[in-house]
Amino acid sequence: MSSDNRHEFLTSTDLQMLERVLKRAGFRGTEATVDPNKMGKAARFLIDHFRNGNDSEDSLTDVLEKRGFETGSGKHRTPKQEKSEAIDRWVDEGGS
């Protein structure tokens, strides 16, 4: 058993930071309209990375965004990525 168990239990500070990461990716917040199942999967993904030692807010945001770009199906794209892609398509089609 590892002697480093600092991430075994999440503190309120840890949860607040994970919440901010989800918000930055578009999963949480006033404009978020995300399937709760998709948000739950993203949260579990972040918690797994956090428990494995990735405890930087910027790094967790990056890994979540990379997860969205790496899947060809778009299955794990963040709401922020989906919105950006929709705007790009709109502009490519002539916009308004």
PDB file of N, CA and C in Angstrom:
ATOM      1  N   MET A   1       0.842  -1.185   0.000  1.00  0.00           N
ATOM      2  CA  MET A   1       0.000   0.000   0.000  1.00  0.00           C
ATOM      3  C   MET A   1       0.879   1.237   0.000  1.00  0.00           C
ATOM      4  N   SER A   2       0.513   2.166  -0.813  1.00  0.00           N
ATOM      5  CA  SER A   2       1.293   3.383  -0.950  1.00  0.00           C
ATOM      6  C   SER A   2       1.205   4.239   0.309  1.00  0.00           C
ATOM      7  N   SER A   3       2.318   4.863   0.630  1.00  0.00           N
ATOM      8  CA  SER A   3       2.318   5.742   1.802  1.00  0.00           C
ATOM      9  C   SER A   3       1.783   7.126   1.448  1.00  0.00           C
ATOM     10  N   ASP A   4       1.638   7.410   0.144  1.00  0.00           N
ATOM     11  CA  ASP A   4       1.121   8.714  -0.276  1.00  0.00           C
ATOM     12  C   ASP A   4      -0.373   8.582  -0.558  1.00  0.00           C
ATOM     13  N   ASN A   5      -1.189   8.945   0.428  1.00  0.00           N
ATOM     14  CA  ASN A   5      -2.634   8.824   0.255  1.00  0.00           C
ATOM     15  C   ASN A   5      -3.311  10.185   0.272  1.00  0.00           C
ATOM     16  N   ARG A   6      -2.593  11.209  -0.151  1.00  0.00           N
ATOM     17  CA  ARG A   6      -3.137  12.559  -0.077  1.00  0.00           C
ATOM     18  C   ARG A   6      -4.341  12.751  -0.984  1.00  0.00           C
ATOM     19  N   HIS A   7      -4.521  11.888  -1.984  1.00  0.00           N
ATOM     20  CA  HIS A   7      -5.664  12.021  -2.879  1.00  0.00           C
ATOM     21  C   HIS A   7      -6.683  10.908  -2.663  1.00  0.00           C
ATOM     22  N   GLU A   8      -6.520  10.149  -1.591  1.00  0.00           N
ATOM     23  CA  GLU A   8      -7.472   9.073  -1.319  1.00  0.00           C
ATOM     24  C   GLU A   8      -8.863   9.643  -1.052  1.00  0.00           C
ATOM     25  N   PHE A   9      -8.917  10.725  -0.302  1.00  0.00           N
ATOM     26  CA  PHE A   9     -10.182  11.385   0.002  1.00  0.00           C
ATOM     27  C   PHE A   9     -10.128  12.799  -0.560  1.00  0.00           C
ATOM     28  N   LEU A  10     -11.173  13.196  -1.254  1.00  0.00           N
ATOM     29  CA  LEU A  10     -11.217  14.529  -1.830  1.00  0.00           C
ATOM     30  C   LEU A  10     -11.704  15.526  -0.788  1.00  0.00           C
ATOM     31  N   THR A  11     -10.988  16.611  -0.650  1.00  0.00           N
ATOM     32  CA  THR A  11     -11.379  17.671   0.278  1.00  0.00           C
ATOM     33  C   THR A  11     -12.325  18.638  -0.437  1.00  0.00           C
ATOM     34  N   SER A  12     -12.907  19.546   0.299  1.00  0.00           N
ATOM     35  CA  SER A  12     -13.785  20.540  -0.325  1.00  0.00           C
ATOM     36  C   SER A  12     -12.998  21.414  -1.296  1.00  0.00           C
ATOM     37  N   THR A  13     -11.742  21.678  -0.995  1.00  0.00           N
ATOM     38  CA  THR A  13     -10.880  22.457  -1.891  1.00  0.00           C
ATOM     39  C   THR A  13     -10.649  21.694  -3.195  1.00  0.00           C
ATOM     40  N   ASP A  14     -10.418  20.381  -3.082  1.00  0.00           N
ATOM     41  CA  ASP A  14     -10.234  19.544  -4.272  1.00  0.00           C
ATOM     42  C   ASP A  14     -11.497  19.565  -5.141  1.00  0.00           C
ATOM     43  N   LEU A  15     -12.649  19.414  -4.504  1.00  0.00           N
ATOM     44  CA  LEU A  15     -13.913  19.399  -5.234  1.00  0.00           C
ATOM     45  C   LEU A  15     -14.194  20.737  -5.910  1.00  0.00           C
ATOM     46  N   GLN A  16     -13.847  21.826  -5.250  1.00  0.00           N
ATOM     47  CA  GLN A  16     -14.035  23.153  -5.844  1.00  0.00           C
ATOM     48  C   GLN A  16     -13.160  23.312  -7.085  1.00  0.00           C
ATOM     49  N   MET A  17     -11.934  22.814  -7.014  1.00  0.00           N
ATOM     50  CA  MET A  17     -11.027  22.895  -8.147  1.00  0.00           C
ATOM     51  C   MET A  17     -11.549  22.043  -9.303  1.00  0.00           C
ATOM     52  N   LEU A  18     -12.025  20.830  -9.023  1.00  0.00           N
ATOM     53  CA  LEU A  18     -12.578  19.968 -10.072  1.00  0.00           C
ATOM     54  C   LEU A  18     -13.823  20.612 -10.688  1.00  0.00           C
ATOM     55  N   GLU A  19     -14.610  21.275  -9.879  1.00  0.00           N
ATOM     56  CA  GLU A  19     -15.789  21.996 -10.365  1.00  0.00           C
ATOM     57  C   GLU A  19     -15.373  23.104 -11.335  1.00  0.00           C
ATOM     58  N   ARG A  20     -14.303  23.819 -10.996  1.00  0.00           N
ATOM     59  CA  ARG A  20     -13.820  24.888 -11.883  1.00  0.00           C
ATOM     60  C   ARG A  20     -13.340  24.312 -13.218  1.00  0.00           C
ATOM     61  N   VAL A  21     -12.685  23.161 -13.175  1.00  0.00           N
ATOM     62  CA  VAL A  21     -12.218  22.519 -14.406  1.00  0.00           C
ATOM     63  C   VAL A  21     -13.419  22.140 -15.279  1.00  0.00           C
ATOM     64  N   LEU A  22     -14.447  21.554 -14.676  1.00  0.00           N
ATOM     65  CA  LEU A  22     -15.654  21.194 -15.425  1.00  0.00           C
ATOM     66  C   LEU A  22     -16.327  22.441 -16.002  1.00  0.00           C
ATOM     67  N   LYS A  23     -16.299  23.521 -15.254  1.00  0.00           N
ATOM     68  CA  LYS A  23     -16.900  24.765 -15.717  1.00  0.00           C
ATOM     69  C   LYS A  23     -16.123  25.334 -16.902  1.00  0.00           C
ATOM     70  N   ARG A  24     -14.796  25.300 -16.818  1.00  0.00           N
ATOM     71  CA  ARG A  24     -13.955  25.811 -17.910  1.00  0.00           C
ATOM     72  C   ARG A  24     -14.192  25.030 -19.198  1.00  0.00           C
ATOM     73  N   ALA A  25     -14.500  23.743 -19.061  1.00  0.00           N
ATOM     74  CA  ALA A  25     -14.738  22.891 -20.233  1.00  0.00           C
ATOM     75  C   ALA A  25     -16.178  22.976 -20.723  1.00  0.00           C
ATOM     76  N   GLY A  26     -17.037  23.684 -19.978  1.00  0.00           N
ATOM     77  CA  GLY A  26     -18.416  23.867 -20.397  1.00  0.00           C
ATOM     78  C   GLY A  26     -19.409  22.860 -19.839  1.00  0.00           C
ATOM     79  N   PHE A  27     -18.969  22.000 -18.923  1.00  0.00           N
ATOM     80  CA  PHE A  27     -19.860  21.003 -18.344  1.00  0.00           C
ATOM     81  C   PHE A  27     -20.731  21.565 -17.225  1.00  0.00           C
ATOM     82  N   ARG A  28     -20.310  22.651 -16.627  1.00  0.00           N
ATOM     83  CA  ARG A  28     -21.035  23.252 -15.506  1.00  0.00           C
ATOM     84  C   ARG A  28     -21.187  24.737 -15.759  1.00  0.00           C
ATOM     85  N   GLY A  29     -22.106  25.354 -15.052  1.00  0.00           N
ATOM     86  CA  GLY A  29     -22.285  26.787 -15.177  1.00  0.00           C
ATOM     87  C   GLY A  29     -23.663  27.134 -15.698  1.00  0.00           C
ATOM     88  N   THR A  30     -23.916  28.405 -15.801  1.00  0.00           N
ATOM     89  CA  THR A  30     -25.252  28.873 -16.175  1.00  0.00           C
ATOM     90  C   THR A  30     -25.605  28.562 -17.623  1.00  0.00           C
ATOM     91  N   GLU A  31     -24.614  28.439 -18.502  1.00  0.00           N
ATOM     92  CA  GLU A  31     -24.891  28.179 -19.910  1.00  0.00           C
ATOM     93  C   GLU A  31     -24.783  26.694 -20.264  1.00  0.00           C
ATOM     94  N   ALA A  32     -24.441  25.858 -19.316  1.00  0.00           N
ATOM     95  CA  ALA A  32     -24.240  24.436 -19.597  1.00  0.00           C
ATOM     96  C   ALA A  32     -25.573  23.726 -19.788  1.00  0.00           C
ATOM     97  N   THR A  33     -25.692  23.032 -20.910  1.00  0.00           N
ATOM     98  CA  THR A  33     -26.852  22.182 -21.179  1.00  0.00           C
ATOM     99  C   THR A  33     -26.307  20.830 -21.606  1.00  0.00           C
ATOM    100  N   VAL A  34     -25.801  20.100 -20.639  1.00  0.00           N
ATOM    101  CA  VAL A  34     -25.098  18.853 -20.910  1.00  0.00           C
ATOM    102  C   VAL A  34     -25.865  17.689 -20.322  1.00  0.00           C
ATOM    103  N   ASP A  35     -25.846  16.602 -21.056  1.00  0.00           N
ATOM    104  CA  ASP A  35     -26.402  15.353 -20.558  1.00  0.00           C
ATOM    105  C   ASP A  35     -25.696  15.013 -19.245  1.00  0.00           C
ATOM    106  N   PRO A  36     -26.444  14.803 -18.155  1.00  0.00           N
ATOM    107  CA  PRO A  36     -25.825  14.500 -16.861  1.00  0.00           C
ATOM    108  C   PRO A  36     -24.894  13.286 -16.913  1.00  0.00           C
ATOM    109  N   ASN A  37     -25.205  12.317 -17.766  1.00  0.00           N
ATOM    110  CA  ASN A  37     -24.358  11.144 -17.906  1.00  0.00           C
ATOM    111  C   ASN A  37     -22.987  11.521 -18.469  1.00  0.00           C
ATOM    112  N   LYS A  38     -22.981  12.403 -19.463  1.00  0.00           N
ATOM    113  CA  LYS A  38     -21.718  12.858 -20.065  1.00  0.00           C
ATOM    114  C   LYS A  38     -20.896  13.650 -19.052  1.00  0.00           C
ATOM    115  N   MET A  39     -21.573  14.516 -18.278  1.00  0.00           N
ATOM    116  CA  MET A  39     -20.871  15.285 -17.262  1.00  0.00           C
ATOM    117  C   MET A  39     -20.304  14.362 -16.181  1.00  0.00           C
ATOM    118  N   GLY A  40     -21.071  13.337 -15.798  1.00  0.00           N
ATOM    119  CA  GLY A  40     -20.599  12.377 -14.795  1.00  0.00           C
ATOM    120  C   GLY A  40     -19.367  11.624 -15.260  1.00  0.00           C
ATOM    121  N   LYS A  41     -19.353  11.248 -16.531  1.00  0.00           N
ATOM    122  CA  LYS A  41     -18.176  10.551 -17.075  1.00  0.00           C
ATOM    123  C   LYS A  41     -16.959  11.459 -17.077  1.00  0.00           C
ATOM    124  N   ALA A  42     -17.164  12.728 -17.425  1.00  0.00           N
ATOM    125  CA  ALA A  42     -16.050  13.678 -17.410  1.00  0.00           C
ATOM    126  C   ALA A  42     -15.545  13.881 -15.986  1.00  0.00           C
ATOM    127  N   ALA A  43     -16.464  13.966 -15.022  1.00  0.00           N
ATOM    128  CA  ALA A  43     -16.069  14.133 -13.619  1.00  0.00           C
ATOM    129  C   ALA A  43     -15.279  12.928 -13.128  1.00  0.00           C
ATOM    130  N   ARG A  44     -15.734  11.728 -13.461  1.00  0.00           N
ATOM    131  CA  ARG A  44     -14.998  10.517 -13.054  1.00  0.00           C
ATOM    132  C   ARG A  44     -13.619  10.472 -13.701  1.00  0.00           C
ATOM    133  N   PHE A  45     -13.543  10.874 -14.970  1.00  0.00           N
ATOM    134  CA  PHE A  45     -12.270  10.930 -15.678  1.00  0.00           C
ATOM    135  C   PHE A  45     -11.300  11.862 -14.944  1.00  0.00           C
ATOM    136  N   LEU A  46     -11.795  13.045 -14.550  1.00  0.00           N
ATOM    137  CA  LEU A  46     -10.953  14.001 -13.829  1.00  0.00           C
ATOM    138  C   LEU A  46     -10.533  13.471 -12.462  1.00  0.00           C
ATOM    139  N   ILE A  47     -11.459  12.856 -11.754  1.00  0.00           N
ATOM    140  CA  ILE A  47     -11.143  12.318 -10.425  1.00  0.00           C
ATOM    141  C   ILE A  47     -10.077  11.239 -10.535  1.00  0.00           C
ATOM    142  N   ASP A  48     -10.180  10.381 -11.542  1.00  0.00           N
ATOM    143  CA  ASP A  48      -9.156   9.347 -11.742  1.00  0.00           C
ATOM    144  C   ASP A  48      -7.784   9.976 -11.961  1.00  0.00           C
ATOM    145  N   HIS A  49      -7.723  10.996 -12.809  1.00  0.00           N
ATOM    146  CA  HIS A  49      -6.441  11.664 -13.056  1.00  0.00           C
ATOM    147  C   HIS A  49      -5.945  12.381 -11.803  1.00  0.00           C
ATOM    148  N   PHE A  50      -6.846  12.994 -11.076  1.00  0.00           N
ATOM    149  CA  PHE A  50      -6.479  13.683  -9.842  1.00  0.00           C
ATOM    150  C   PHE A  50      -5.898  12.695  -8.830  1.00  0.00           C
ATOM    151  N   ARG A  51      -6.560  11.571  -8.661  1.00  0.00           N
ATOM    152  CA  ARG A  51      -6.081  10.560  -7.702  1.00  0.00           C
ATOM    153  C   ARG A  51      -4.760   9.935  -8.125  1.00  0.00           C
ATOM    154  N   ASN A  52      -4.459  10.004  -9.411  1.00  0.00           N
ATOM    155  CA  ASN A  52      -3.177   9.483  -9.885  1.00  0.00           C
ATOM    156  C   ASN A  52      -2.078  10.539  -9.850  1.00  0.00           C
ATOM    157  N   GLY A  53      -2.361  11.668  -9.193  1.00  0.00           N
ATOM    158  CA  GLY A  53      -1.316  12.660  -8.958  1.00  0.00           C
ATOM    159  C   GLY A  53      -1.390  13.919  -9.796  1.00  0.00           C
ATOM    160  N   ASN A  54      -2.307  13.984 -10.733  1.00  0.00           N
ATOM    161  CA  ASN A  54      -2.446  15.184 -11.553  1.00  0.00           C
ATOM    162  C   ASN A  54      -3.326  16.170 -10.787  1.00  0.00           C
ATOM    163  N   ASP A  55      -2.709  17.053 -10.023  1.00  0.00           N
ATOM    164  CA  ASP A  55      -3.492  17.941  -9.163  1.00  0.00           C
ATOM    165  C   ASP A  55      -3.373  19.422  -9.541  1.00  0.00           C
ATOM    166  N   SER A  56      -3.019  19.678 -10.787  1.00  0.00           N
ATOM    167  CA  SER A  56      -2.947  21.051 -11.291  1.00  0.00           C
ATOM    168  C   SER A  56      -4.221  21.350 -12.082  1.00  0.00           C
ATOM    169  N   GLU A  57      -4.858  22.456 -11.772  1.00  0.00           N
ATOM    170  CA  GLU A  57      -6.089  22.836 -12.463  1.00  0.00           C
ATOM    171  C   GLU A  57      -5.876  22.979 -13.966  1.00  0.00           C
ATOM    172  N   ASP A  58      -4.804  23.643 -14.349  1.00  0.00           N
ATOM    173  CA  ASP A  58      -4.517  23.816 -15.779  1.00  0.00           C
ATOM    174  C   ASP A  58      -4.237  22.480 -16.456  1.00  0.00           C
ATOM    175  N   SER A  59      -3.487  21.634 -15.789  1.00  0.00           N
ATOM    176  CA  SER A  59      -3.159  20.327 -16.357  1.00  0.00           C
ATOM    177  C   SER A  59      -4.402  19.451 -16.504  1.00  0.00           C
ATOM    178  N   LEU A  60      -5.289  19.494 -15.518  1.00  0.00           N
ATOM    179  CA  LEU A  60      -6.524  18.716 -15.604  1.00  0.00           C
ATOM    180  C   LEU A  60      -7.419  19.245 -16.730  1.00  0.00           C
ATOM    181  N   THR A  61      -7.454  20.553 -16.907  1.00  0.00           N
ATOM    182  CA  THR A  61      -8.223  21.138 -18.008  1.00  0.00           C
ATOM    183  C   THR A  61      -7.654  20.670 -19.339  1.00  0.00           C
ATOM    184  N   ASP A  62      -6.339  20.678 -19.453  1.00  0.00           N
ATOM    185  CA  ASP A  62      -5.684  20.227 -20.687  1.00  0.00           C
ATOM    186  C   ASP A  62      -5.986  18.767 -20.984  1.00  0.00           C
ATOM    187  N   VAL A  63      -5.895  17.909 -19.973  1.00  0.00           N
ATOM    188  CA  VAL A  63      -6.107  16.481 -20.197  1.00  0.00           C
ATOM    189  C   VAL A  63      -7.564  16.208 -20.582  1.00  0.00           C
ATOM    190  N   LEU A  64      -8.493  16.972 -20.035  1.00  0.00           N
ATOM    191  CA  LEU A  64      -9.899  16.808 -20.387  1.00  0.00           C
ATOM    192  C   LEU A  64     -10.138  17.252 -21.833  1.00  0.00           C
ATOM    193  N   GLU A  65      -9.508  18.343 -22.232  1.00  0.00           N
ATOM    194  CA  GLU A  65      -9.652  18.809 -23.608  1.00  0.00           C
ATOM    195  C   GLU A  65      -8.977  17.862 -24.592  1.00  0.00           C
ATOM    196  N   LYS A  66      -7.816  17.320 -24.236  1.00  0.00           N
ATOM    197  CA  LYS A  66      -7.137  16.351 -25.101  1.00  0.00           C
ATOM    198  C   LYS A  66      -7.994  15.107 -25.280  1.00  0.00           C
ATOM    199  N   ARG A  67      -8.647  14.689 -24.228  1.00  0.00           N
ATOM    200  CA  ARG A  67      -9.544  13.531 -24.293  1.00  0.00           C
ATOM    201  C   ARG A  67     -10.622  13.770 -25.349  1.00  0.00           C
ATOM    202  N   GLY A  68     -11.117  14.996 -25.435  1.00  0.00           N
ATOM    203  CA  GLY A  68     -12.140  15.327 -26.415  1.00  0.00           C
ATOM    204  C   GLY A  68     -11.634  15.313 -27.842  1.00  0.00           C
ATOM    205  N   PHE A  69     -10.395  15.712 -28.056  1.00  0.00           N
ATOM    206  CA  PHE A  69      -9.843  15.757 -29.401  1.00  0.00           C
ATOM    207  C   PHE A  69      -9.345  14.398 -29.880  1.00  0.00           C
ATOM    208  N   GLU A  70      -8.965  13.514 -28.953  1.00  0.00           N
ATOM    209  CA  GLU A  70      -8.358  12.247 -29.336  1.00  0.00           C
ATOM    210  C   GLU A  70      -9.357  11.223 -29.859  1.00  0.00           C
ATOM    211  N   THR A  71     -10.618  11.343 -29.510  1.00  0.00           N
ATOM    212  CA  THR A  71     -11.596  10.371 -29.979  1.00  0.00           C
ATOM    213  C   THR A  71     -12.183  10.845 -31.290  1.00  0.00           C
ATOM    214  N   GLY A  72     -12.022  10.062 -32.319  1.00  0.00           N
ATOM    215  CA  GLY A  72     -12.507  10.426 -33.637  1.00  0.00           C
ATOM    216  C   GLY A  72     -14.019  10.553 -33.700  1.00  0.00           C
ATOM    217  N   SER A  73     -14.723   9.831 -32.847  1.00  0.00           N
ATOM    218  CA  SER A  73     -16.186   9.842 -32.882  1.00  0.00           C
ATOM    219  C   SER A  73     -16.783  11.101 -32.280  1.00  0.00           C
ATOM    220  N   GLY A  74     -15.994  11.842 -31.541  1.00  0.00           N
ATOM    221  CA  GLY A  74     -16.516  13.027 -30.869  1.00  0.00           C
ATOM    222  C   GLY A  74     -17.235  12.692 -29.575  1.00  0.00           C
ATOM    223  N   LYS A  75     -17.175  11.440 -29.190  1.00  0.00           N
ATOM    224  CA  LYS A  75     -17.888  10.947 -28.016  1.00  0.00           C
ATOM    225  C   LYS A  75     -17.514  11.686 -26.737  1.00  0.00           C
ATOM    226  N   HIS A  76     -16.267  12.094 -26.599  1.00  0.00           N
ATOM    227  CA  HIS A  76     -15.797  12.708 -25.356  1.00  0.00           C
ATOM    228  C   HIS A  76     -15.492  14.193 -25.502  1.00  0.00           C
ATOM    229  N   ARG A  77     -15.979  14.810 -26.551  1.00  0.00           N
ATOM    230  CA  ARG A  77     -15.726  16.241 -26.705  1.00  0.00           C
ATOM    231  C   ARG A  77     -16.417  17.012 -25.590  1.00  0.00           C
ATOM    232  N   THR A  78     -15.774  18.072 -25.179  1.00  0.00           N
ATOM    233  CA  THR A  78     -16.362  18.920 -24.146  1.00  0.00           C
ATOM    234  C   THR A  78     -17.412  19.822 -24.782  1.00  0.00           C
ATOM    235  N   PRO A  79     -18.361  20.315 -23.993  1.00  0.00           N
ATOM    236  CA  PRO A  79     -19.341  21.256 -24.541  1.00  0.00           C
ATOM    237  C   PRO A  79     -18.679  22.480 -25.165  1.00  0.00           C
ATOM    238  N   LYS A  80     -17.592  22.925 -24.581  1.00  0.00           N
ATOM    239  CA  LYS A  80     -16.866  24.074 -25.119  1.00  0.00           C
ATOM    240  C   LYS A  80     -16.329  23.743 -26.517  1.00  0.00           C
ATOM    241  N   GLN A  81     -15.806  22.523 -26.698  1.00  0.00           N
ATOM    242  CA  GLN A  81     -15.303  22.109 -28.005  1.00  0.00           C
ATOM    243  C   GLN A  81     -16.443  21.987 -29.014  1.00  0.00           C
ATOM    244  N   GLU A  82     -17.574  21.439 -28.582  1.00  0.00           N
ATOM    245  CA  GLU A  82     -18.717  21.288 -29.479  1.00  0.00           C
ATOM    246  C   GLU A  82     -19.247  22.645 -29.934  1.00  0.00           C
ATOM    247  N   LYS A  83     -19.321  23.598 -29.013  1.00  0.00           N
ATOM    248  CA  LYS A  83     -19.799  24.938 -29.353  1.00  0.00           C
ATOM    249  C   LYS A  83     -18.850  25.610 -30.344  1.00  0.00           C
ATOM    250  N   SER A  84     -17.562  25.470 -30.106  1.00  0.00           N
ATOM    251  CA  SER A  84     -16.561  26.064 -30.988  1.00  0.00           C
ATOM    252  C   SER A  84     -16.657  25.463 -32.391  1.00  0.00           C
ATOM    253  N   GLU A  85     -16.847  24.144 -32.469  1.00  0.00           N
ATOM    254  CA  GLU A  85     -16.969  23.483 -33.769  1.00  0.00           C
ATOM    255  C   GLU A  85     -18.231  23.946 -34.497  1.00  0.00           C
ATOM    256  N   ALA A  86     -19.321  24.122 -33.760  1.00  0.00           N
ATOM    257  CA  ALA A  86     -20.574  24.583 -34.370  1.00  0.00           C
ATOM    258  C   ALA A  86     -20.413  25.996 -34.922  1.00  0.00           C
ATOM    259  N   ILE A  87     -19.739  26.859 -34.187  1.00  0.00           N
ATOM    260  CA  ILE A  87     -19.498  28.230 -34.652  1.00  0.00           C
ATOM    261  C   ILE A  87     -18.612  28.217 -35.889  1.00  0.00           C
ATOM    262  N   ASP A  88     -17.574  27.378 -35.874  1.00  0.00           N
ATOM    263  CA  ASP A  88     -16.692  27.273 -37.041  1.00  0.00           C
ATOM    264  C   ASP A  88     -17.462  26.813 -38.280  1.00  0.00           C
ATOM    265  N   ARG A  89     -18.362  25.830 -38.118  1.00  0.00           N
ATOM    266  CA  ARG A  89     -19.173  25.357 -39.240  1.00  0.00           C
ATOM    267  C   ARG A  89     -20.064  26.480 -39.764  1.00  0.00           C
ATOM    268  N   TRP A  90     -20.661  27.218 -38.852  1.00  0.00           N
ATOM    269  CA  TRP A  90     -21.550  28.320 -39.209  1.00  0.00           C
ATOM    270  C   TRP A  90     -20.777  29.375 -40.027  1.00  0.00           C
ATOM    271  N   VAL A  91     -19.580  29.709 -39.563  1.00  0.00           N
ATOM    272  CA  VAL A  91     -18.750  30.688 -40.269  1.00  0.00           C
ATOM    273  C   VAL A  91     -18.360  30.145 -41.651  1.00  0.00           C
ATOM    274  N   ASP A  92     -17.969  28.859 -41.713  1.00  0.00           N
ATOM    275  CA  ASP A  92     -17.584  28.250 -42.988  1.00  0.00           C
ATOM    276  C   ASP A  92     -18.743  28.237 -43.987  1.00  0.00           C
ATOM    277  N   GLU A  93     -19.956  28.179 -43.492  1.00  0.00           N
ATOM    278  CA  GLU A  93     -21.138  28.141 -44.357  1.00  0.00           C
ATOM    279  C   GLU A  93     -21.646  29.541 -44.707  1.00  0.00           C
ATOM    280  N   GLY A  94     -20.905  30.550 -44.330  1.00  0.00           N
ATOM    281  CA  GLY A  94     -21.271  31.914 -44.716  1.00  0.00           C
ATOM    282  C   GLY A  94     -21.724  32.783 -43.565  1.00  0.00           C
ATOM    283  N   GLY A  95     -22.019  32.174 -42.422  1.00  0.00           N
ATOM    284  CA  GLY A  95     -22.415  32.963 -41.267  1.00  0.00           C
ATOM    285  C   GLY A  95     -23.579  33.878 -41.555  1.00  0.00           C
ATOM    286  N   SER A  96     -23.627  34.946 -40.823  1.00  0.00           N
ATOM    287  CA  SER A  96     -24.727  35.890 -41.007  1.00  0.00           C
ATOM    288  C   SER A  96     -24.201  37.268 -41.317  1.00  0.00           C
TER     289      SER A  96
END
